[in-house]
Amino acid sequence: MNSVSQLDQVKTGPWNGGRSPWSVEYGKIMMWFFLLSDAFTFSSLLIYYGAQRFSKSAWPDPDLVFQSIPGLKDSGAPLVFVGIMTFILILSSVTMVMAVEAGHRRAKKEVIGWMIATIIGGFMFLGCQALEWSHLHHEGFWWGQIPTAEELKHLFTGDVSLVAAQQFANLFFTITGFHGFHVFSGVMINIIILVMTINGTFERRGHYLMVEKVGLYWHFVDLVWVFVFTFFYLV
């Protein structure tokens, strides 16, 4: 009997609690609790960024900071590269949905294919982020690095503020780095799940609930990126 059918049974005994109020598997509930706590962490970071952003009269203009396509174009393409990054991550969320759906049907080969596509999407996003970081470092932005006003002049629409530029850099690399760590962790977990799928672990268990749990994490990472994208690249 698998864990799904067990949820529908009424537990007897004075300390067993009867029927589950949500009929949700225990591991899935724990994943939701983890994601909720992680959401608070990202929220606090983004709220602090917003407070700093709107308390300064001078702040780097996103259209000027993110106007390059690393390796192809140094300027004149505002938000194009980050748009590509966002598309890749959202597409990987779609492939994860397909993997979960295939898992519900216990279609092992399809799960393997969609998981591979999700992993590739994760690695592509991380590669793009590495290129973006490298380019920004070349522009003078980095943790604890204080560029000159002349180096930053072309990134401001008005007055140049070294303090604002430094705060922008510190918060940008901290928050996007924290998100990138989540993406990397998700890719590693997806690889583990892929190996377990190939080895037939979930077939022997009789269900693919683990794929669904990992899918929740991956969708959360994608959702967080939407807010990071809005705060840093659009506002």
Foldseek 3Di string as FASTA:
>chain_A
DFPLVVQQAFDDDPPPHTHDPVSDRPLLVVLVVVLVVVVVVLVVLLVVLVVLVVVDPWAFALQQLQAADQPPGDGDRRPPLVVVLLVLLVVLLVLLVQLQVCQQVPVLVSNLVSLVSSLVSLVVSLVSVVSSVVSSVVLQAAAPTQDDQVSCVRRIPDDGDSVNRNVLRNSLCVSVVVLNVLSVVLSVVSVVLSVCSVVCVQVVSVGDVVSVSSSVSSVSSSVSVVVSCCSNNPD
